[in-house]
């Protein structure tokens, strides 16, 4: 079973995604609300995959991505964002994101990407 942490500052979105992932056979081992949570949870729990929002107050997804990449160069990190700016996507990919997904992605397609 693939272990996942879900990070986004929108608590309702995190809960919805986490519930759907659990129903789809994923082991959602933790959730958080910013990039600092992502780093701390990653260090503690060593999940197979991190689903990380890009735009969050205080510590954003880029912060989390960079710090997690210093800990592990091989872990799967998927960033998701509402932005359509290709510059942001390129920055995230250049900093080690395995993939950058639109927040408009269907939950079914999100599961496919996580597998």
PDB file of N, CA and C in Angstrom:
ATOM      1  N   UNK A   1       0.845  -1.178   0.000  1.00  0.00           N
ATOM      2  CA  UNK A   1       0.000   0.000   0.000  1.00  0.00           C
ATOM      3  C   UNK A   1       0.892   1.244   0.000  1.00  0.00           C
ATOM      4  N   UNK A   2       0.609   2.176  -0.865  1.00  0.00           N
ATOM      5  CA  UNK A   2       1.389   3.402  -0.990  1.00  0.00           C
ATOM      6  C   UNK A   2       1.045   4.365   0.132  1.00  0.00           C
ATOM      7  N   UNK A   3       2.065   4.801   0.871  1.00  0.00           N
ATOM      8  CA  UNK A   3       1.845   5.770   1.948  1.00  0.00           C
ATOM      9  C   UNK A   3       1.979   7.185   1.391  1.00  0.00           C
ATOM     10  N   UNK A   4       1.085   8.058   1.827  1.00  0.00           N
ATOM     11  CA  UNK A   4       1.000   9.420   1.286  1.00  0.00           C
ATOM     12  C   UNK A   4       0.797  10.417   2.425  1.00  0.00           C
ATOM     13  N   UNK A   5       1.428  11.586   2.296  1.00  0.00           N
ATOM     14  CA  UNK A   5       1.035  12.725   3.118  1.00  0.00           C
ATOM     15  C   UNK A   5       0.457  13.775   2.182  1.00  0.00           C
ATOM     16  N   UNK A   6      -0.579  14.457   2.646  1.00  0.00           N
ATOM     17  CA  UNK A   6      -1.294  15.457   1.855  1.00  0.00           C
ATOM     18  C   UNK A   6      -1.138  16.802   2.552  1.00  0.00           C
ATOM     19  N   UNK A   7      -0.627  17.788   1.809  1.00  0.00           N
ATOM     20  CA  UNK A   7      -0.346  19.101   2.384  1.00  0.00           C
ATOM     21  C   UNK A   7      -1.042  20.191   1.568  1.00  0.00           C
ATOM     22  N   UNK A   8      -1.904  20.952   2.227  1.00  0.00           N
ATOM     23  CA  UNK A   8      -2.575  22.105   1.605  1.00  0.00           C
ATOM     24  C   UNK A   8      -3.140  22.969   2.720  1.00  0.00           C
ATOM     25  N   UNK A   9      -3.177  24.268   2.503  1.00  0.00           N
ATOM     26  CA  UNK A   9      -3.719  25.162   3.526  1.00  0.00           C
ATOM     27  C   UNK A   9      -5.247  25.175   3.553  1.00  0.00           C
ATOM     28  N   UNK A  10      -5.890  24.555   2.594  1.00  0.00           N
ATOM     29  CA  UNK A  10      -7.353  24.447   2.564  1.00  0.00           C
ATOM     30  C   UNK A  10      -7.747  23.131   3.245  1.00  0.00           C
ATOM     31  N   UNK A  11      -8.146  23.222   4.505  1.00  0.00           N
ATOM     32  CA  UNK A  11      -8.455  22.035   5.312  1.00  0.00           C
ATOM     33  C   UNK A  11      -9.533  21.166   4.679  1.00  0.00           C
ATOM     34  N   UNK A  12     -10.570  21.786   4.114  1.00  0.00           N
ATOM     35  CA  UNK A  12     -11.634  21.007   3.481  1.00  0.00           C
ATOM     36  C   UNK A  12     -11.111  20.205   2.297  1.00  0.00           C
ATOM     37  N   UNK A  13     -10.240  20.813   1.498  1.00  0.00           N
ATOM     38  CA  UNK A  13      -9.652  20.116   0.359  1.00  0.00           C
ATOM     39  C   UNK A  13      -8.771  18.960   0.821  1.00  0.00           C
ATOM     40  N   UNK A  14      -7.977  19.195   1.843  1.00  0.00           N
ATOM     41  CA  UNK A  14      -7.119  18.131   2.388  1.00  0.00           C
ATOM     42  C   UNK A  14      -7.971  16.963   2.861  1.00  0.00           C
ATOM     43  N   UNK A  15      -9.036  17.263   3.597  1.00  0.00           N
ATOM     44  CA  UNK A  15      -9.904  16.196   4.109  1.00  0.00           C
ATOM     45  C   UNK A  15     -10.556  15.417   2.970  1.00  0.00           C
ATOM     46  N   UNK A  16     -11.017  16.121   1.948  1.00  0.00           N
ATOM     47  CA  UNK A  16     -11.657  15.461   0.805  1.00  0.00           C
ATOM     48  C   UNK A  16     -10.673  14.558   0.076  1.00  0.00           C
ATOM     49  N   UNK A  17      -9.493  15.079  -0.209  1.00  0.00           N
ATOM     50  CA  UNK A  17      -8.480  14.287  -0.906  1.00  0.00           C
ATOM     51  C   UNK A  17      -8.060  13.090  -0.053  1.00  0.00           C
ATOM     52  N   UNK A  18      -7.800  13.326   1.218  1.00  0.00           N
ATOM     53  CA  UNK A  18      -7.367  12.237   2.098  1.00  0.00           C
ATOM     54  C   UNK A  18      -8.425  11.136   2.178  1.00  0.00           C
ATOM     55  N   UNK A  19      -9.682  11.517   2.334  1.00  0.00           N
ATOM     56  CA  UNK A  19     -10.760  10.523   2.401  1.00  0.00           C
ATOM     57  C   UNK A  19     -10.853   9.724   1.107  1.00  0.00           C
ATOM     58  N   UNK A  20     -10.779  10.411  -0.024  1.00  0.00           N
ATOM     59  CA  UNK A  20     -10.869   9.715  -1.312  1.00  0.00           C
ATOM     60  C   UNK A  20      -9.681   8.766  -1.505  1.00  0.00           C
ATOM     61  N   UNK A  21      -8.491   9.228  -1.150  1.00  0.00           N
ATOM     62  CA  UNK A  21      -7.310   8.380  -1.306  1.00  0.00           C
ATOM     63  C   UNK A  21      -7.413   7.127  -0.436  1.00  0.00           C
ATOM     64  N   UNK A  22      -7.892   7.296   0.789  1.00  0.00           N
ATOM     65  CA  UNK A  22      -8.073   6.137   1.674  1.00  0.00           C
ATOM     66  C   UNK A  22      -9.055   5.145   1.064  1.00  0.00           C
ATOM     67  N   UNK A  23     -10.169   5.652   0.533  1.00  0.00           N
ATOM     68  CA  UNK A  23     -11.161   4.780  -0.100  1.00  0.00           C
ATOM     69  C   UNK A  23     -10.610   4.103  -1.357  1.00  0.00           C
ATOM     70  N   UNK A  24      -9.576   4.709  -1.939  1.00  0.00           N
ATOM     71  CA  UNK A  24      -8.973   4.172  -3.168  1.00  0.00           C
ATOM     72  C   UNK A  24      -7.767   3.279  -2.890  1.00  0.00           C
ATOM     73  N   UNK A  25      -7.538   2.967  -1.633  1.00  0.00           N
ATOM     74  CA  UNK A  25      -6.483   2.020  -1.295  1.00  0.00           C
ATOM     75  C   UNK A  25      -5.137   2.606  -0.918  1.00  0.00           C
ATOM     76  N   UNK A  26      -5.062   3.901  -0.734  1.00  0.00           N
ATOM     77  CA  UNK A  26      -3.816   4.531  -0.301  1.00  0.00           C
ATOM     78  C   UNK A  26      -3.794   4.627   1.219  1.00  0.00           C
ATOM     79  N   UNK A  27      -2.604   4.639   1.786  1.00  0.00           N
ATOM     80  CA  UNK A  27      -2.425   4.811   3.216  1.00  0.00           C
ATOM     81  C   UNK A  27      -2.047   6.264   3.473  1.00  0.00           C
ATOM     82  N   UNK A  28      -3.042   7.095   3.770  1.00  0.00           N
ATOM     83  CA  UNK A  28      -2.783   8.503   4.079  1.00  0.00           C
ATOM     84  C   UNK A  28      -2.323   8.542   5.529  1.00  0.00           C
ATOM     85  N   UNK A  29      -1.020   8.746   5.710  1.00  0.00           N
ATOM     86  CA  UNK A  29      -0.446   8.639   7.047  1.00  0.00           C
ATOM     87  C   UNK A  29      -0.404   9.969   7.788  1.00  0.00           C
ATOM     88  N   UNK A  30      -0.609  11.076   7.072  1.00  0.00           N
ATOM     89  CA  UNK A  30      -0.631  12.382   7.740  1.00  0.00           C
ATOM     90  C   UNK A  30      -1.100  13.455   6.766  1.00  0.00           C
ATOM     91  N   UNK A  31      -1.542  14.556   7.347  1.00  0.00           N
ATOM     92  CA  UNK A  31      -1.900  15.745   6.569  1.00  0.00           C
ATOM     93  C   UNK A  31      -1.276  16.959   7.251  1.00  0.00           C
ATOM     94  N   UNK A  32      -1.100  18.016   6.478  1.00  0.00           N
ATOM     95  CA  UNK A  32      -0.547  19.245   7.025  1.00  0.00           C
ATOM     96  C   UNK A  32      -1.042  20.442   6.245  1.00  0.00           C
ATOM     97  N   UNK A  33      -0.620  21.635   6.685  1.00  0.00           N
ATOM     98  CA  UNK A  33      -1.179  22.850   6.083  1.00  0.00           C
ATOM     99  C   UNK A  33      -0.147  23.807   5.503  1.00  0.00           C
ATOM    100  N   UNK A  34       1.151  23.434   5.508  1.00  0.00           N
ATOM    101  CA  UNK A  34       2.157  24.305   4.890  1.00  0.00           C
ATOM    102  C   UNK A  34       3.432  23.524   4.609  1.00  0.00           C
ATOM    103  N   UNK A  35       4.370  24.182   3.960  1.00  0.00           N
ATOM    104  CA  UNK A  35       5.606  23.524   3.568  1.00  0.00           C
ATOM    105  C   UNK A  35       6.436  23.040   4.736  1.00  0.00           C
ATOM    106  N   UNK A  36       6.391  23.747   5.856  1.00  0.00           N
ATOM    107  CA  UNK A  36       7.121  23.317   7.049  1.00  0.00           C
ATOM    108  C   UNK A  36       6.525  22.017   7.593  1.00  0.00           C
ATOM    109  N   UNK A  37       5.196  21.924   7.614  1.00  0.00           N
ATOM    110  CA  UNK A  37       4.546  20.663   8.001  1.00  0.00           C
ATOM    111  C   UNK A  37       5.013  19.530   7.091  1.00  0.00           C
ATOM    112  N   UNK A  38       5.086  19.813   5.797  1.00  0.00           N
ATOM    113  CA  UNK A  38       5.499  18.789   4.837  1.00  0.00           C
ATOM    114  C   UNK A  38       6.881  18.240   5.183  1.00  0.00           C
ATOM    115  N   UNK A  39       7.816  19.121   5.466  1.00  0.00           N
ATOM    116  CA  UNK A  39       9.184  18.710   5.789  1.00  0.00           C
ATOM    117  C   UNK A  39       9.199  17.901   7.088  1.00  0.00           C
ATOM    118  N   UNK A  40       8.552  18.424   8.120  1.00  0.00           N
ATOM    119  CA  UNK A  40       8.558  17.736   9.417  1.00  0.00           C
ATOM    120  C   UNK A  40       7.896  16.369   9.334  1.00  0.00           C
ATOM    121  N   UNK A  41       6.757  16.290   8.647  1.00  0.00           N
ATOM    122  CA  UNK A  41       6.057  15.017   8.507  1.00  0.00           C
ATOM    123  C   UNK A  41       6.864  14.040   7.650  1.00  0.00           C
ATOM    124  N   UNK A  42       7.498  14.552   6.617  1.00  0.00           N
ATOM    125  CA  UNK A  42       8.329  13.694   5.768  1.00  0.00           C
ATOM    126  C   UNK A  42       9.481  13.094   6.570  1.00  0.00           C
ATOM    127  N   UNK A  43      10.179  13.925   7.330  1.00  0.00           N
ATOM    128  CA  UNK A  43      11.303  13.441   8.139  1.00  0.00           C
ATOM    129  C   UNK A  43      10.852  12.379   9.130  1.00  0.00           C
ATOM    130  N   UNK A  44       9.720  12.596   9.735  1.00  0.00           N
ATOM    131  CA  UNK A  44       9.222  11.695  10.777  1.00  0.00           C
ATOM    132  C   UNK A  44       8.675  10.389  10.205  1.00  0.00           C
ATOM    133  N   UNK A  45       7.923  10.474   9.096  1.00  0.00           N
ATOM    134  CA  UNK A  45       7.138   9.336   8.630  1.00  0.00           C
ATOM    135  C   UNK A  45       7.683   8.639   7.380  1.00  0.00           C
ATOM    136  N   UNK A  46       8.539   9.305   6.622  1.00  0.00           N
ATOM    137  CA  UNK A  46       9.125   8.746   5.387  1.00  0.00           C
ATOM    138  C   UNK A  46       8.066   8.118   4.460  1.00  0.00           C
ATOM    139  N   UNK A  47       7.102   8.908   3.993  1.00  0.00           N
ATOM    140  CA  UNK A  47       6.066   8.366   3.110  1.00  0.00           C
ATOM    141  C   UNK A  47       6.625   8.027   1.731  1.00  0.00           C
ATOM    142  N   UNK A  48       5.870   7.208   1.005  1.00  0.00           N
ATOM    143  CA  UNK A  48       6.242   6.898  -0.374  1.00  0.00           C
ATOM    144  C   UNK A  48       6.039   8.103  -1.283  1.00  0.00           C
ATOM    145  N   UNK A  49       5.038   8.920  -0.949  1.00  0.00           N
ATOM    146  CA  UNK A  49       4.666  10.036  -1.820  1.00  0.00           C
ATOM    147  C   UNK A  49       4.187  11.224  -0.991  1.00  0.00           C
ATOM    148  N   UNK A  50       4.514  12.412  -1.484  1.00  0.00           N
ATOM    149  CA  UNK A  50       4.034  13.655  -0.883  1.00  0.00           C
ATOM    150  C   UNK A  50       3.199  14.389  -1.928  1.00  0.00           C
ATOM    151  N   UNK A  51       1.976  14.721  -1.563  1.00  0.00           N
ATOM    152  CA  UNK A  51       1.119  15.553  -2.408  1.00  0.00           C
ATOM    153  C   UNK A  51       1.107  16.927  -1.758  1.00  0.00           C
ATOM    154  N   UNK A  52       1.649  17.906  -2.455  1.00  0.00           N
ATOM    155  CA  UNK A  52       1.990  19.184  -1.848  1.00  0.00           C
ATOM    156  C   UNK A  52       1.455  20.345  -2.676  1.00  0.00           C
ATOM    157  N   UNK A  53       0.672  21.200  -2.036  1.00  0.00           N
ATOM    158  CA  UNK A  53       0.186  22.408  -2.694  1.00  0.00           C
ATOM    159  C   UNK A  53       1.348  23.376  -2.879  1.00  0.00           C
ATOM    160  N   UNK A  54       1.300  24.149  -3.940  1.00  0.00           N
ATOM    161  CA  UNK A  54       2.354  25.132  -4.179  1.00  0.00           C
ATOM    162  C   UNK A  54       2.121  26.414  -3.374  1.00  0.00           C
ATOM    163  N   UNK A  55       0.943  26.998  -3.490  1.00  0.00           N
ATOM    164  CA  UNK A  55       0.699  28.319  -2.909  1.00  0.00           C
ATOM    165  C   UNK A  55       0.047  28.188  -1.532  1.00  0.00           C
ATOM    166  N   UNK A  56       0.846  28.462  -0.499  1.00  0.00           N
ATOM    167  CA  UNK A  56       0.366  28.440   0.880  1.00  0.00           C
ATOM    168  C   UNK A  56       1.040  29.578   1.636  1.00  0.00           C
ATOM    169  N   UNK A  57       0.358  30.124   2.637  1.00  0.00           N
ATOM    170  CA  UNK A  57       0.989  31.194   3.420  1.00  0.00           C
ATOM    171  C   UNK A  57       2.116  30.644   4.303  1.00  0.00           C
ATOM    172  N   UNK A  58       3.004  31.502   4.691  1.00  0.00           N
ATOM    173  CA  UNK A  58       4.130  31.225   5.583  1.00  0.00           C
ATOM    174  C   UNK A  58       5.194  30.370   4.897  1.00  0.00           C
ATOM    175  N   UNK A  59       5.000  29.088   4.783  1.00  0.00           N
ATOM    176  CA  UNK A  59       5.949  28.189   4.130  1.00  0.00           C
ATOM    177  C   UNK A  59       5.230  27.534   2.959  1.00  0.00           C
ATOM    178  N   UNK A  60       5.631  27.920   1.745  1.00  0.00           N
ATOM    179  CA  UNK A  60       4.914  27.420   0.562  1.00  0.00           C
ATOM    180  C   UNK A  60       5.434  26.061   0.119  1.00  0.00           C
ATOM    181  N   UNK A  61       4.863  25.566  -0.957  1.00  0.00           N
ATOM    182  CA  UNK A  61       5.236  24.265  -1.470  1.00  0.00           C
ATOM    183  C   UNK A  61       6.662  24.201  -1.992  1.00  0.00           C
ATOM    184  N   UNK A  62       7.153  25.301  -2.537  1.00  0.00           N
ATOM    185  CA  UNK A  62       8.534  25.322  -3.018  1.00  0.00           C
ATOM    186  C   UNK A  62       9.503  25.143  -1.852  1.00  0.00           C
ATOM    187  N   UNK A  63       9.213  25.769  -0.734  1.00  0.00           N
ATOM    188  CA  UNK A  63      10.021  25.581   0.478  1.00  0.00           C
ATOM    189  C   UNK A  63      10.045  24.095   0.854  1.00  0.00           C
ATOM    190  N   UNK A  64       8.858  23.498   0.935  1.00  0.00           N
ATOM    191  CA  UNK A  64       8.768  22.087   1.291  1.00  0.00           C
ATOM    192  C   UNK A  64       9.494  21.195   0.305  1.00  0.00           C
ATOM    193  N   UNK A  65       9.305  21.462  -0.975  1.00  0.00           N
ATOM    194  CA  UNK A  65       9.951  20.677  -2.028  1.00  0.00           C
ATOM    195  C   UNK A  65      11.470  20.716  -1.890  1.00  0.00           C
ATOM    196  N   UNK A  66      12.030  21.909  -1.758  1.00  0.00           N
ATOM    197  CA  UNK A  66      13.488  22.044  -1.657  1.00  0.00           C
ATOM    198  C   UNK A  66      14.041  21.318  -0.438  1.00  0.00           C
ATOM    199  N   UNK A  67      13.383  21.470   0.686  1.00  0.00           N
ATOM    200  CA  UNK A  67      13.864  20.839   1.927  1.00  0.00           C
ATOM    201  C   UNK A  67      13.739  19.318   1.862  1.00  0.00           C
ATOM    202  N   UNK A  68      12.631  18.828   1.329  1.00  0.00           N
ATOM    203  CA  UNK A  68      12.460  17.376   1.223  1.00  0.00           C
ATOM    204  C   UNK A  68      13.478  16.792   0.250  1.00  0.00           C
ATOM    205  N   UNK A  69      13.753  17.490  -0.830  1.00  0.00           N
ATOM    206  CA  UNK A  69      14.744  17.012  -1.799  1.00  0.00           C
ATOM    207  C   UNK A  69      16.140  16.919  -1.183  1.00  0.00           C
ATOM    208  N   UNK A  70      16.438  17.758  -0.193  1.00  0.00           N
ATOM    209  CA  UNK A  70      17.728  17.657   0.497  1.00  0.00           C
ATOM    210  C   UNK A  70      17.788  16.401   1.364  1.00  0.00           C
ATOM    211  N   UNK A  71      16.627  15.936   1.813  1.00  0.00           N
ATOM    212  CA  UNK A  71      16.542  14.736   2.637  1.00  0.00           C
ATOM    213  C   UNK A  71      16.527  13.487   1.758  1.00  0.00           C
ATOM    214  N   UNK A  72      15.779  13.546   0.667  1.00  0.00           N
ATOM    215  CA  UNK A  72      15.629  12.390  -0.217  1.00  0.00           C
ATOM    216  C   UNK A  72      15.528  12.850  -1.663  1.00  0.00           C
ATOM    217  N   UNK A  73      16.411  12.339  -2.465  1.00  0.00           N
ATOM    218  CA  UNK A  73      16.379  12.709  -3.889  1.00  0.00           C
ATOM    219  C   UNK A  73      15.472  11.782  -4.693  1.00  0.00           C
ATOM    220  N   UNK A  74      14.989  10.717  -4.073  1.00  0.00           N
ATOM    221  CA  UNK A  74      14.226   9.718  -4.823  1.00  0.00           C
ATOM    222  C   UNK A  74      12.747   9.635  -4.468  1.00  0.00           C
ATOM    223  N   UNK A  75      12.322  10.252  -3.388  1.00  0.00           N
ATOM    224  CA  UNK A  75      10.908  10.181  -2.999  1.00  0.00           C
ATOM    225  C   UNK A  75      10.034  10.862  -4.042  1.00  0.00           C
ATOM    226  N   UNK A  76       8.832  10.357  -4.170  1.00  0.00           N
ATOM    227  CA  UNK A  76       7.894  10.925  -5.145  1.00  0.00           C
ATOM    228  C   UNK A  76       7.205  12.143  -4.519  1.00  0.00           C
ATOM    229  N   UNK A  77       7.356  13.281  -5.188  1.00  0.00           N
ATOM    230  CA  UNK A  77       6.732  14.515  -4.718  1.00  0.00           C
ATOM    231  C   UNK A  77       5.925  15.107  -5.862  1.00  0.00           C
ATOM    232  N   UNK A  78       4.629  15.193  -5.661  1.00  0.00           N
ATOM    233  CA  UNK A  78       3.725  15.791  -6.639  1.00  0.00           C
ATOM    234  C   UNK A  78       3.254  17.127  -6.100  1.00  0.00           C
ATOM    235  N   UNK A  79       3.472  18.165  -6.873  1.00  0.00           N
ATOM    236  CA  UNK A  79       2.990  19.488  -6.511  1.00  0.00           C
ATOM    237  C   UNK A  79       1.688  19.729  -7.232  1.00  0.00           C
ATOM    238  N   UNK A  80       0.742  20.374  -6.549  1.00  0.00           N
ATOM    239  CA  UNK A  80      -0.460  20.760  -7.258  1.00  0.00           C
ATOM    240  C   UNK A  80      -0.761  22.218  -6.992  1.00  0.00           C
ATOM    241  N   UNK A  81      -1.324  22.855  -8.022  1.00  0.00           N
ATOM    242  CA  UNK A  81      -1.504  24.287  -7.979  1.00  0.00           C
ATOM    243  C   UNK A  81      -2.685  24.721  -8.830  1.00  0.00           C
ATOM    244  N   UNK A  82      -3.254  25.849  -8.459  1.00  0.00           N
ATOM    245  CA  UNK A  82      -4.313  26.445  -9.268  1.00  0.00           C
ATOM    246  C   UNK A  82      -3.722  27.356 -10.340  1.00  0.00           C
ATOM    247  N   UNK A  83      -2.429  27.630 -10.235  1.00  0.00           N
ATOM    248  CA  UNK A  83      -1.766  28.520 -11.188  1.00  0.00           C
ATOM    249  C   UNK A  83      -1.626  27.858 -12.555  1.00  0.00           C
ATOM    250  N   UNK A  84      -1.766  28.659 -13.583  1.00  0.00           N
ATOM    251  CA  UNK A  84      -1.533  28.178 -14.949  1.00  0.00           C
ATOM    252  C   UNK A  84      -0.237  28.757 -15.514  1.00  0.00           C
ATOM    253  N   UNK A  85       0.539  29.416 -14.676  1.00  0.00           N
ATOM    254  CA  UNK A  85       1.788  30.047 -15.085  1.00  0.00           C
ATOM    255  C   UNK A  85       2.856  28.975 -15.352  1.00  0.00           C
ATOM    256  N   UNK A  86       3.299  28.893 -16.592  1.00  0.00           N
ATOM    257  CA  UNK A  86       4.292  27.874 -16.956  1.00  0.00           C
ATOM    258  C   UNK A  86       5.628  28.117 -16.253  1.00  0.00           C
ATOM    259  N   UNK A  87       5.930  29.362 -15.879  1.00  0.00           N
ATOM    260  CA  UNK A  87       7.173  29.658 -15.163  1.00  0.00           C
ATOM    261  C   UNK A  87       7.181  28.963 -13.805  1.00  0.00           C
ATOM    262  N   UNK A  88       6.038  29.000 -13.116  1.00  0.00           N
ATOM    263  CA  UNK A  88       5.932  28.327 -11.812  1.00  0.00           C
ATOM    264  C   UNK A  88       6.130  26.832 -11.987  1.00  0.00           C
ATOM    265  N   UNK A  89       5.471  26.264 -12.979  1.00  0.00           N
ATOM    266  CA  UNK A  89       5.614  24.825 -13.233  1.00  0.00           C
ATOM    267  C   UNK A  89       7.074  24.474 -13.478  1.00  0.00           C
ATOM    268  N   UNK A  90       7.755  25.255 -14.285  1.00  0.00           N
ATOM    269  CA  UNK A  90       9.164  24.985 -14.589  1.00  0.00           C
ATOM    270  C   UNK A  90      10.048  25.114 -13.352  1.00  0.00           C
ATOM    271  N   UNK A  91       9.782  26.096 -12.506  1.00  0.00           N
ATOM    272  CA  UNK A  91      10.547  26.266 -11.264  1.00  0.00           C
ATOM    273  C   UNK A  91      10.377  25.038 -10.376  1.00  0.00           C
ATOM    274  N   UNK A  92       9.138  24.561 -10.250  1.00  0.00           N
ATOM    275  CA  UNK A  92       8.872  23.396  -9.411  1.00  0.00           C
ATOM    276  C   UNK A  92       9.549  22.147  -9.967  1.00  0.00           C
ATOM    277  N   UNK A  93       9.481  21.954 -11.268  1.00  0.00           N
ATOM    278  CA  UNK A  93      10.136  20.799 -11.893  1.00  0.00           C
ATOM    279  C   UNK A  93      11.653  20.897 -11.765  1.00  0.00           C
ATOM    280  N   UNK A  94      12.198  22.097 -11.950  1.00  0.00           N
ATOM    281  CA  UNK A  94      13.640  22.303 -11.831  1.00  0.00           C
ATOM    282  C   UNK A  94      14.143  22.047 -10.413  1.00  0.00           C
ATOM    283  N   UNK A  95      13.254  22.197  -9.436  1.00  0.00           N
ATOM    284  CA  UNK A  95      13.628  21.976  -8.040  1.00  0.00           C
ATOM    285  C   UNK A  95      13.289  20.575  -7.541  1.00  0.00           C
ATOM    286  N   UNK A  96      12.895  19.693  -8.447  1.00  0.00           N
ATOM    287  CA  UNK A  96      12.763  18.298  -8.080  1.00  0.00           C
ATOM    288  C   UNK A  96      11.372  17.719  -7.989  1.00  0.00           C
ATOM    289  N   UNK A  97      10.344  18.484  -8.336  1.00  0.00           N
ATOM    290  CA  UNK A  97       9.002  17.899  -8.345  1.00  0.00           C
ATOM    291  C   UNK A  97       8.938  16.813  -9.407  1.00  0.00           C
ATOM    292  N   UNK A  98       8.357  15.686  -9.070  1.00  0.00           N
ATOM    293  CA  UNK A  98       8.186  14.628 -10.067  1.00  0.00           C
ATOM    294  C   UNK A  98       7.148  15.026 -11.094  1.00  0.00           C
ATOM    295  N   UNK A  99       6.153  15.774 -10.643  1.00  0.00           N
ATOM    296  CA  UNK A  99       5.091  16.213 -11.532  1.00  0.00           C
ATOM    297  C   UNK A  99       4.406  17.414 -10.902  1.00  0.00           C
ATOM    298  N   UNK A 100       3.883  18.293 -11.762  1.00  0.00           N
ATOM    299  CA  UNK A 100       3.076  19.425 -11.296  1.00  0.00           C
ATOM    300  C   UNK A 100       1.681  19.230 -11.863  1.00  0.00           C
ATOM    301  N   UNK A 101       0.711  19.146 -10.971  1.00  0.00           N
ATOM    302  CA  UNK A 101      -0.669  18.863 -11.351  1.00  0.00           C
ATOM    303  C   UNK A 101      -1.551  20.078 -11.135  1.00  0.00           C
ATOM    304  N   UNK A 102      -2.573  20.194 -11.940  1.00  0.00           N
ATOM    305  CA  UNK A 102      -3.566  21.236 -11.761  1.00  0.00           C
ATOM    306  C   UNK A 102      -4.501  20.858 -10.615  1.00  0.00           C
ATOM    307  N   UNK A 103      -4.911  21.840  -9.838  1.00  0.00           N
ATOM    308  CA  UNK A 103      -5.891  21.569  -8.785  1.00  0.00           C
ATOM    309  C   UNK A 103      -7.244  21.186  -9.362  1.00  0.00           C
ATOM    310  N   UNK A 104      -7.401  21.347 -10.649  1.00  0.00           N
ATOM    311  CA  UNK A 104      -8.647  20.951 -11.306  1.00  0.00           C
ATOM    312  C   UNK A 104      -8.648  19.470 -11.675  1.00  0.00           C
ATOM    313  N   UNK A 105      -7.586  18.754 -11.356  1.00  0.00           N
ATOM    314  CA  UNK A 105      -7.498  17.332 -11.681  1.00  0.00           C
ATOM    315  C   UNK A 105      -8.621  16.565 -10.974  1.00  0.00           C
ATOM    316  N   UNK A 106      -9.152  15.577 -11.646  1.00  0.00           N
ATOM    317  CA  UNK A 106     -10.180  14.755 -11.010  1.00  0.00           C
ATOM    318  C   UNK A 106      -9.510  13.875  -9.953  1.00  0.00           C
ATOM    319  N   UNK A 107     -10.266  13.477  -8.952  1.00  0.00           N
ATOM    320  CA  UNK A 107      -9.715  12.619  -7.915  1.00  0.00           C
ATOM    321  C   UNK A 107      -9.276  11.272  -8.486  1.00  0.00           C
ATOM    322  N   UNK A 108      -9.997  10.787  -9.466  1.00  0.00           N
ATOM    323  CA  UNK A 108      -9.622   9.532 -10.125  1.00  0.00           C
ATOM    324  C   UNK A 108      -8.262   9.676 -10.805  1.00  0.00           C
ATOM    325  N   UNK A 109      -8.057  10.773 -11.533  1.00  0.00           N
ATOM    326  CA  UNK A 109      -6.772  10.995 -12.207  1.00  0.00           C
ATOM    327  C   UNK A 109      -5.660  11.241 -11.198  1.00  0.00           C
ATOM    328  N   UNK A 110      -5.996  11.852 -10.078  1.00  0.00           N
ATOM    329  CA  UNK A 110      -4.989  12.051  -9.025  1.00  0.00           C
ATOM    330  C   UNK A 110      -4.484  10.698  -8.521  1.00  0.00           C
ATOM    331  N   UNK A 111      -5.381   9.769  -8.332  1.00  0.00           N
ATOM    332  CA  UNK A 111      -4.993   8.420  -7.905  1.00  0.00           C
ATOM    333  C   UNK A 111      -4.072   7.770  -8.921  1.00  0.00           C
ATOM    334  N   UNK A 112      -4.368   7.957 -10.174  1.00  0.00           N
ATOM    335  CA  UNK A 112      -3.519   7.398 -11.237  1.00  0.00           C
ATOM    336  C   UNK A 112      -2.111   7.992 -11.151  1.00  0.00           C
ATOM    337  N   UNK A 113      -2.030   9.283 -10.948  1.00  0.00           N
ATOM    338  CA  UNK A 113      -0.725   9.947 -10.855  1.00  0.00           C
ATOM    339  C   UNK A 113       0.056   9.474  -9.623  1.00  0.00           C
ATOM    340  N   UNK A 114      -0.624   9.233  -8.530  1.00  0.00           N
ATOM    341  CA  UNK A 114       0.043   8.785  -7.303  1.00  0.00           C
ATOM    342  C   UNK A 114       0.570   7.352  -7.438  1.00  0.00           C
ATOM    343  N   UNK A 115      -0.090   6.559  -8.250  1.00  0.00           N
ATOM    344  CA  UNK A 115       0.367   5.174  -8.435  1.00  0.00           C
ATOM    345  C   UNK A 115       1.575   5.176  -9.344  1.00  0.00           C
TER     346      UNK A 115
END
